[in-house]
C-alpha atoms as a PDB file:
ATOM      1  CA  MET A   1       0.135   0.339  -0.118  1.00  0.00           C
ATOM      2  CA  GLY A   2       1.309   3.269  -1.172  1.00  0.00           C
ATOM      3  CA  PRO A   3       1.238   6.284   1.166  1.00  0.00           C
ATOM      4  CA  ALA A   4      -1.860   8.044  -0.789  1.00  0.00           C
ATOM      5  CA  ALA A   5      -3.802   4.743  -0.310  1.00  0.00           C
ATOM      6  CA  ALA A   6      -2.654   4.420   3.675  1.00  0.00           C
ATOM      7  CA  SER A   7      -3.616   8.269   3.993  1.00  0.00           C
ATOM      8  CA  ARG A   8      -7.185   7.512   1.991  1.00  0.00           C
ATOM      9  CA  GLY A   9      -7.213   4.265   3.997  1.00  0.00           C
ATOM     10  CA  ILE A  10      -7.063   6.379   7.657  1.00  0.00           C
ATOM     11  CA  ARG A  11      -9.466   8.943   6.848  1.00  0.00           C
ATOM     12  CA  CYS A  12     -12.285   6.929   6.070  1.00  0.00           C
ATOM     13  CA  SER A  13     -11.470   5.148   9.569  1.00  0.00           C
ATOM     14  CA  VAL A  14     -11.125   8.580  11.405  1.00  0.00           C
ATOM     15  CA  VAL A  15     -13.781  11.110   9.721  1.00  0.00           C
ATOM     16  CA  PRO A  16     -16.833   8.936  10.296  1.00  0.00           C
ATOM     17  CA  TRP A  17     -16.228   8.337  13.952  1.00  0.00           C
ATOM     18  CA  ARG A  18     -15.265  12.085  14.697  1.00  0.00           C
ATOM     19  CA  VAL A  19     -18.534  12.909  13.080  1.00  0.00           C
ATOM     20  CA  THR A  20     -20.219  10.143  15.278  1.00  0.00           C
ATOM     21  CA  ARG A  21     -18.460  11.459  18.492  1.00  0.00           C
ATOM     22  CA  VAL A  22     -19.940  14.769  17.871  1.00  0.00           C
ATOM     23  CA  LEU A  23     -23.200  13.516  17.320  1.00  0.00           C
ATOM     24  CA  LEU A  24     -23.159  11.114  20.452  1.00  0.00           C
ATOM     25  CA  LEU A  25     -22.051  13.879  22.487  1.00  0.00           C
ATOM     26  CA  VAL A  26     -25.250  16.098  21.312  1.00  0.00           C
ATOM     27  CA  VAL A  27     -27.762  12.973  22.148  1.00  0.00           C
ATOM     28  CA  ALA A  28     -25.992  12.306  25.589  1.00  0.00           C
ATOM     29  CA  GLY A  29     -26.403  16.181  26.438  1.00  0.00           C
ATOM     30  CA  LEU A  30     -30.114  16.042  25.415  1.00  0.00           C
ATOM     31  CA  SER A  31     -30.954  13.044  27.102  1.00  0.00           C
ATOM     32  CA  LEU A  32     -29.442  14.483  30.001  1.00  0.00           C
ATOM     33  CA  ALA A  33     -31.621  17.792  30.205  1.00  0.00           C
ATOM     34  CA  GLY A  34     -34.564  15.450  28.919  1.00  0.00           C
ATOM     35  CA  VAL A  35     -34.248  13.227  32.231  1.00  0.00           C
ATOM     36  CA  GLY A  36     -32.866  15.822  34.114  1.00  0.00           C
ATOM     37  CA  GLY A  37     -36.620  17.556  33.125  1.00  0.00           C
ATOM     38  CA  GLN A  38     -38.303  14.602  34.180  1.00  0.00           C
ATOM     39  CA  ALA A  39     -36.841  14.401  37.654  1.00  0.00           C
ATOM     40  CA  ALA A  40     -37.699  17.995  38.405  1.00  0.00           C
ATOM     41  CA  THR A  41     -41.349  17.136  37.783  1.00  0.00           C
ATOM     42  CA  PHE A  42     -41.620  13.888  39.333  1.00  0.00           C
ATOM     43  CA  LEU A  43     -38.854  14.309  42.396  1.00  0.00           C
ATOM     44  CA  TRP A  44     -39.575  18.238  43.207  1.00  0.00           C
ATOM     45  CA  GLY A  45     -43.148  19.139  41.484  1.00  0.00           C
ATOM     46  CA  PHE A  46     -41.619  21.817  39.065  1.00  0.00           C
ATOM     47  CA  ASP A  47     -43.673  21.824  35.755  1.00  0.00           C
ATOM     48  CA  GLU A  48     -41.828  24.506  33.686  1.00  0.00           C
ATOM     49  CA  GLY A  49     -38.648  25.058  35.134  1.00  0.00           C
ATOM     50  CA  LEU A  50     -37.954  28.571  33.970  1.00  0.00           C
ATOM     51  CA  GLY A  51     -38.413  27.060  30.176  1.00  0.00           C
ATOM     52  CA  TRP A  52     -36.117  24.405  30.706  1.00  0.00           C
ATOM     53  CA  ILE A  53     -38.552  21.527  31.310  1.00  0.00           C
ATOM     54  CA  PRO A  54     -40.242  21.373  28.234  1.00  0.00           C
ATOM     55  CA  ALA A  55     -37.528  23.142  26.181  1.00  0.00           C
ATOM     56  CA  PHE A  56     -35.438  19.318  26.727  1.00  0.00           C
ATOM     57  CA  SER A  57     -38.720  16.973  27.416  1.00  0.00           C
ATOM     58  CA  LEU A  58     -38.118  14.122  25.239  1.00  0.00           C
ATOM     59  CA  ASP A  59     -42.320  13.933  25.226  1.00  0.00           C
ATOM     60  CA  GLU A  60     -42.792  17.251  23.662  1.00  0.00           C
ATOM     61  CA  GLU A  61     -43.025  18.765  20.074  1.00  0.00           C
ATOM     62  CA  GLN A  62     -41.323  21.876  18.462  1.00  0.00           C
ATOM     63  CA  ASN A  63     -38.403  21.855  21.006  1.00  0.00           C
ATOM     64  CA  ILE A  64     -34.715  21.418  20.690  1.00  0.00           C
ATOM     65  CA  PRO A  65     -34.811  17.193  20.654  1.00  0.00           C
ATOM     66  CA  THR A  66     -37.602  17.575  17.779  1.00  0.00           C
ATOM     67  CA  TRP A  67     -35.302  20.152  15.975  1.00  0.00           C
ATOM     68  CA  TYR A  68     -32.338  17.981  16.970  1.00  0.00           C
ATOM     69  CA  GLN A  69     -33.553  14.766  15.494  1.00  0.00           C
ATOM     70  CA  SER A  70     -35.244  16.515  12.362  1.00  0.00           C
ATOM     71  CA  CYS A  71     -32.109  17.879  11.653  1.00  0.00           C
ATOM     72  CA  ALA A  72     -30.186  14.212  12.061  1.00  0.00           C
ATOM     73  CA  MET A  73     -32.658  12.685  10.007  1.00  0.00           C
ATOM     74  CA  LEU A  74     -32.441  15.573   7.331  1.00  0.00           C
ATOM     75  CA  LEU A  75     -28.102  14.790   7.107  1.00  0.00           C
ATOM     76  CA  SER A  76     -29.213  11.422   6.681  1.00  0.00           C
ATOM     77  CA  ALA A  77     -31.510  12.727   3.583  1.00  0.00           C
ATOM     78  CA  VAL A  78     -28.460  14.374   1.943  1.00  0.00           C
ATOM     79  CA  LEU A  79     -25.395  11.495   2.515  1.00  0.00           C
ATOM     80  CA  LEU A  80     -28.130   9.391   0.898  1.00  0.00           C
ATOM     81  CA  GLY A  81     -28.662  11.618  -1.940  1.00  0.00           C
ATOM     82  CA  VAL A  82     -24.803  12.222  -2.224  1.00  0.00           C
ATOM     83  CA  ILE A  83     -24.377   8.286  -2.397  1.00  0.00           C
ATOM     84  CA  ALA A  84     -27.409   7.815  -5.009  1.00  0.00           C
ATOM     85  CA  GLN A  85     -25.268  10.436  -7.119  1.00  0.00           C
ATOM     86  CA  ALA A  86     -21.786   8.819  -6.886  1.00  0.00           C
ATOM     87  CA  THR A  87     -23.943   5.629  -7.794  1.00  0.00           C
ATOM     88  CA  ARG A  88     -25.047   6.681 -10.526  1.00  0.00           C
ATOM     89  CA  GLN A  89     -22.256   8.657 -11.574  1.00  0.00           C
ATOM     90  CA  ALA A  90     -20.479   5.336 -11.496  1.00  0.00           C
ATOM     91  CA  GLY A  91     -22.698   3.246 -13.209  1.00  0.00           C
ATOM     92  CA  ARG A  92     -23.470   0.994 -10.134  1.00  0.00           C
ATOM     93  CA  ARG A  93     -26.929  -0.359  -9.811  1.00  0.00           C
ATOM     94  CA  HIS A  94     -29.183   0.706  -7.238  1.00  0.00           C
ATOM     95  CA  ALA A  95     -29.314   4.301  -7.370  1.00  0.00           C
ATOM     96  CA  THR A  96     -32.545   4.345  -7.216  1.00  0.00           C
ATOM     97  CA  HIS A  97     -32.646   2.487  -3.915  1.00  0.00           C
ATOM     98  CA  TRP A  98     -30.456   4.771  -2.431  1.00  0.00           C
ATOM     99  CA  SER A  99     -32.537   7.753  -3.796  1.00  0.00           C
ATOM    100  CA  LEU A 100     -35.867   6.704  -2.771  1.00  0.00           C
ATOM    101  CA  LEU A 101     -34.438   6.332   0.877  1.00  0.00           C
ATOM    102  CA  SER A 102     -33.136  10.461   0.460  1.00  0.00           C
ATOM    103  CA  LEU A 103     -36.700  10.708   0.035  1.00  0.00           C
ATOM    104  CA  LEU A 104     -37.771   9.039   3.085  1.00  0.00           C
ATOM    105  CA  PHE A 105     -35.879  10.552   5.216  1.00  0.00           C
ATOM    106  CA  VAL A 106     -36.695  13.827   3.617  1.00  0.00           C
ATOM    107  CA  LEU A 107     -40.105  13.075   5.026  1.00  0.00           C
ATOM    108  CA  LEU A 108     -39.223  11.557   7.938  1.00  0.00           C
ATOM    109  CA  SER A 109     -37.718  14.656   9.126  1.00  0.00           C
ATOM    110  CA  LEU A 110     -40.372  16.776   7.975  1.00  0.00           C
ATOM    111  CA  ASP A 111     -42.685  14.576  10.118  1.00  0.00           C
ATOM    112  CA  GLU A 112     -40.829  15.045  13.469  1.00  0.00           C
ATOM    113  CA  VAL A 113     -41.717  18.421  13.409  1.00  0.00           C
ATOM    114  CA  VAL A 114     -44.468  18.497  11.626  1.00  0.00           C
ATOM    115  CA  GLY A 115     -46.167  15.342  13.534  1.00  0.00           C
ATOM    116  CA  ILE A 116     -47.647  14.223  10.379  1.00  0.00           C
ATOM    117  CA  HIS A 117     -48.045  10.880  11.977  1.00  0.00           C
ATOM    118  CA  GLU A 118     -49.682  11.781  14.846  1.00  0.00           C
ATOM    119  CA  ARG A 119     -52.642  13.325  12.612  1.00  0.00           C
ATOM    120  CA  TRP A 120     -53.845   9.688  11.779  1.00  0.00           C
ATOM    121  CA  MET A 121     -54.453   8.843  15.171  1.00  0.00           C
ATOM    122  CA  LEU A 122     -57.894  10.318  15.380  1.00  0.00           C
ATOM    123  CA  PRO A 123     -58.860   9.034  11.966  1.00  0.00           C
ATOM    124  CA  MET A 124     -57.376   5.669  12.853  1.00  0.00           C
ATOM    125  CA  ARG A 125     -58.612   5.037  15.985  1.00  0.00           C
ATOM    126  CA  ALA A 126     -61.912   6.012  15.135  1.00  0.00           C
ATOM    127  CA  TRP A 127     -61.828   3.261  12.275  1.00  0.00           C
ATOM    128  CA  LEU A 128     -60.233   0.480  13.950  1.00  0.00           C
ATOM    129  CA  ARG A 129     -61.022   0.881  17.496  1.00  0.00           C
ATOM    130  CA  PRO A 130     -57.580  -0.024  18.894  1.00  0.00           C
ATOM    131  CA  SER A 131     -57.222  -0.911  22.452  1.00  0.00           C
ATOM    132  CA  GLY A 132     -54.381  -1.903  24.553  1.00  0.00           C
ATOM    133  CA  MET A 133     -50.868  -1.335  22.924  1.00  0.00           C
ATOM    134  CA  TRP A 134     -52.513  -0.893  19.800  1.00  0.00           C
ATOM    135  CA  TYR A 135     -54.193   2.868  21.559  1.00  0.00           C
ATOM    136  CA  PHE A 136     -51.656   4.755  19.105  1.00  0.00           C
ATOM    137  CA  ALA A 137     -53.056   3.906  16.145  1.00  0.00           C
ATOM    138  CA  TRP A 138     -50.328   4.969  13.910  1.00  0.00           C
ATOM    139  CA  VAL A 139     -48.374   2.233  14.529  1.00  0.00           C
ATOM    140  CA  ILE A 140     -50.592   0.110  12.821  1.00  0.00           C
ATOM    141  CA  PRO A 141     -49.900   1.763   9.157  1.00  0.00           C
ATOM    142  CA  ALA A 142     -46.706   2.071   9.918  1.00  0.00           C
ATOM    143  CA  ILE A 143     -45.771  -1.516  10.974  1.00  0.00           C
ATOM    144  CA  VAL A 144     -47.066  -2.585   7.538  1.00  0.00           C
ATOM    145  CA  PHE A 145     -44.612   0.062   5.799  1.00  0.00           C
ATOM    146  CA  VAL A 146     -42.000  -1.082   7.461  1.00  0.00           C
ATOM    147  CA  LEU A 147     -42.317  -4.897   6.956  1.00  0.00           C
ATOM    148  CA  VAL A 148     -42.919  -3.781   2.567  1.00  0.00           C
ATOM    149  CA  VAL A 149     -39.740  -1.572   2.842  1.00  0.00           C
ATOM    150  CA  GLY A 150     -37.754  -4.473   4.395  1.00  0.00           C
ATOM    151  CA  VAL A 151     -39.204  -7.072   1.719  1.00  0.00           C
ATOM    152  CA  ALA A 152     -38.841  -4.620  -0.987  1.00  0.00           C
ATOM    153  CA  TYR A 153     -34.909  -3.813   0.283  1.00  0.00           C
ATOM    154  CA  SER A 154     -34.100  -6.859   1.296  1.00  0.00           C
ATOM    155  CA  ARG A 155     -31.727  -7.302  -2.224  1.00  0.00           C
ATOM    156  CA  PHE A 156     -30.608  -4.625  -2.193  1.00  0.00           C
ATOM    157  CA  LEU A 157     -29.074  -4.916   1.662  1.00  0.00           C
ATOM    158  CA  ALA A 158     -27.665  -8.269   0.432  1.00  0.00           C
ATOM    159  CA  GLY A 159     -25.693  -6.433  -2.512  1.00  0.00           C
ATOM    160  CA  LEU A 160     -23.936  -4.125  -0.011  1.00  0.00           C
ATOM    161  CA  PRO A 161     -21.156  -4.664   1.947  1.00  0.00           C
ATOM    162  CA  ARG A 162     -20.948  -6.958   5.155  1.00  0.00           C
ATOM    163  CA  ARG A 163     -20.075  -4.341   7.250  1.00  0.00           C
ATOM    164  CA  THR A 164     -22.419  -2.173   5.992  1.00  0.00           C
ATOM    165  CA  GLN A 165     -25.212  -4.360   6.117  1.00  0.00           C
ATOM    166  CA  ALA A 166     -24.539  -4.645   9.809  1.00  0.00           C
ATOM    167  CA  LEU A 167     -25.021  -1.212  10.711  1.00  0.00           C
ATOM    168  CA  PHE A 168     -27.836  -0.690   8.801  1.00  0.00           C
ATOM    169  CA  LEU A 169     -29.604  -3.648  10.620  1.00  0.00           C
ATOM    170  CA  LEU A 170     -27.948  -2.633  13.490  1.00  0.00           C
ATOM    171  CA  ALA A 171     -29.570   1.191  13.196  1.00  0.00           C
ATOM    172  CA  ALA A 172     -33.213  -0.123  12.164  1.00  0.00           C
ATOM    173  CA  GLY A 173     -33.497  -2.369  15.095  1.00  0.00           C
ATOM    174  CA  ILE A 174     -32.787   0.345  17.561  1.00  0.00           C
ATOM    175  CA  TYR A 175     -34.684   2.603  15.785  1.00  0.00           C
ATOM    176  CA  VAL A 176     -37.748   0.838  14.757  1.00  0.00           C
ATOM    177  CA  GLY A 177     -37.362  -0.617  18.510  1.00  0.00           C
ATOM    178  CA  GLY A 178     -37.781   2.299  20.115  1.00  0.00           C
ATOM    179  CA  GLU A 179     -39.910   4.678  18.087  1.00  0.00           C
ATOM    180  CA  LEU A 180     -42.733   1.394  17.366  1.00  0.00           C
ATOM    181  CA  GLY A 181     -41.875  -1.116  19.903  1.00  0.00           C
ATOM    182  CA  LEU A 182     -41.840   1.158  22.540  1.00  0.00           C
ATOM    183  CA  GLU A 183     -44.881   3.438  21.435  1.00  0.00           C
ATOM    184  CA  MET A 184     -46.701   0.104  21.598  1.00  0.00           C
ATOM    185  CA  ALA A 185     -45.607  -0.317  25.190  1.00  0.00           C
ATOM    186  CA  GLY A 186     -46.361   3.554  26.386  1.00  0.00           C
ATOM    187  CA  ALA A 187     -49.776   3.277  25.214  1.00  0.00           C
ATOM    188  CA  TYR A 188     -50.338   0.297  27.563  1.00  0.00           C
ATOM    189  CA  GLN A 189     -48.961   2.700  30.294  1.00  0.00           C
ATOM    190  CA  PHE A 190     -51.156   5.847  28.370  1.00  0.00           C
ATOM    191  CA  LEU A 191     -54.049   3.780  29.416  1.00  0.00           C
ATOM    192  CA  HIS A 192     -53.420   1.945  32.953  1.00  0.00           C
ATOM    193  CA  ALA A 193     -50.668   4.238  34.271  1.00  0.00           C
ATOM    194  CA  GLY A 194     -51.605   7.607  32.481  1.00  0.00           C
ATOM    195  CA  ALA A 195     -50.219  10.739  30.956  1.00  0.00           C
ATOM    196  CA  HIS A 196     -48.798  12.323  33.295  1.00  0.00           C
ATOM    197  CA  SER A 197     -47.011   9.177  35.529  1.00  0.00           C
ATOM    198  CA  LEU A 198     -43.576   8.190  35.736  1.00  0.00           C
ATOM    199  CA  ALA A 199     -43.996   4.970  34.226  1.00  0.00           C
ATOM    200  CA  TYR A 200     -45.364   6.433  31.294  1.00  0.00           C
ATOM    201  CA  ALA A 201     -42.437   9.573  30.834  1.00  0.00           C
ATOM    202  CA  MET A 202     -39.935   6.253  31.439  1.00  0.00           C
ATOM    203  CA  VAL A 203     -41.066   4.744  28.550  1.00  0.00           C
ATOM    204  CA  VAL A 204     -41.305   8.079  26.420  1.00  0.00           C
ATOM    205  CA  THR A 205     -38.086   8.782  27.470  1.00  0.00           C
ATOM    206  CA  ILE A 206     -36.367   5.670  26.679  1.00  0.00           C
ATOM    207  CA  GLU A 207     -38.292   5.594  23.444  1.00  0.00           C
ATOM    208  CA  GLU A 208     -36.894   8.992  22.140  1.00  0.00           C
ATOM    209  CA  ILE A 209     -33.228   8.185  23.424  1.00  0.00           C
ATOM    210  CA  LEU A 210     -33.279   4.740  20.685  1.00  0.00           C
ATOM    211  CA  GLY A 211     -34.793   7.198  18.171  1.00  0.00           C
ATOM    212  CA  MET A 212     -31.860   9.357  18.284  1.00  0.00           C
ATOM    213  CA  LEU A 213     -29.291   6.477  18.630  1.00  0.00           C
ATOM    214  CA  GLY A 214     -30.620   4.613  15.752  1.00  0.00           C
ATOM    215  CA  ILE A 215     -30.236   7.604  13.169  1.00  0.00           C
ATOM    216  CA  VAL A 216     -26.531   8.220  14.976  1.00  0.00           C
ATOM    217  CA  VAL A 217     -25.516   4.674  13.966  1.00  0.00           C
ATOM    218  CA  PHE A 218     -27.434   4.847  10.163  1.00  0.00           C
ATOM    219  CA  ILE A 219     -25.155   8.010   9.980  1.00  0.00           C
ATOM    220  CA  HIS A 220     -22.136   6.496  11.296  1.00  0.00           C
ATOM    221  CA  ALA A 221     -22.727   3.909   8.099  1.00  0.00           C
ATOM    222  CA  LEU A 222     -23.801   6.091   5.690  1.00  0.00           C
ATOM    223  CA  LEU A 223     -20.450   8.106   6.312  1.00  0.00           C
ATOM    224  CA  GLU A 224     -18.166   4.851   6.274  1.00  0.00           C
ATOM    225  CA  TYR A 225     -19.504   3.430   3.410  1.00  0.00           C
ATOM    226  CA  LEU A 226     -19.102   6.627   1.564  1.00  0.00           C
ATOM    227  CA  SER A 227     -15.359   7.112   2.478  1.00  0.00           C
ATOM    228  CA  VAL A 228     -14.904   3.376   2.118  1.00  0.00           C
ATOM    229  CA  GLN A 229     -16.805   3.235  -1.768  1.00  0.00           C
ATOM    230  CA  TYR A 230     -16.313   6.913  -3.050  1.00  0.00           C
ATOM    231  CA  PRO A 231     -12.791   8.437  -0.837  1.00  0.00           C
ATOM    232  CA  LEU A 232     -11.904  11.442  -1.970  1.00  0.00           C
END
């Protein structure tokens, strides 16, 4: 291996980790602020905390954690778009798959701040009359969508390098497990313990932390893939 190749190899391994460390520090800070707000609410009875508690609450919309997650998803969309364009220019397969993933993450970013999925709940609840863990009815079409995407992208995933496959699956497991799995657990706690209970707050907090971590793992996977497949 010549000096130039060695330099590229070092850069490929270092740059993704630098970005990932920064994102993990941000997630850790937001998580601590959110948990601190919950502790202030349930242990000492604070509601607002001079605006700090709602600003960092992991169960609120239009606040700092929400905007962070929206930006992280938008970064994922940009990286996916870059990969799609590089794939197309290199004459490789699956450029369309990368492009569609990029579009999906743009929509997820928008949903994070607008709450599109939450607008489905009332009509879905009126139609399906769900109960128990299905009470937050948006999870039903979301699970169907995840299964459809999983089947449609199975061959695409199989064609990726093994490390990228593993990271994609890990990211999906963390994100989907948090956003859907714990959303259903949260619905159960919501019905049995109430929206202002410690049990519900704990489930929601873990759900949102897992959602943020899943996107960090995905961004790391995309950066690694880009740096290895299309080094500068």
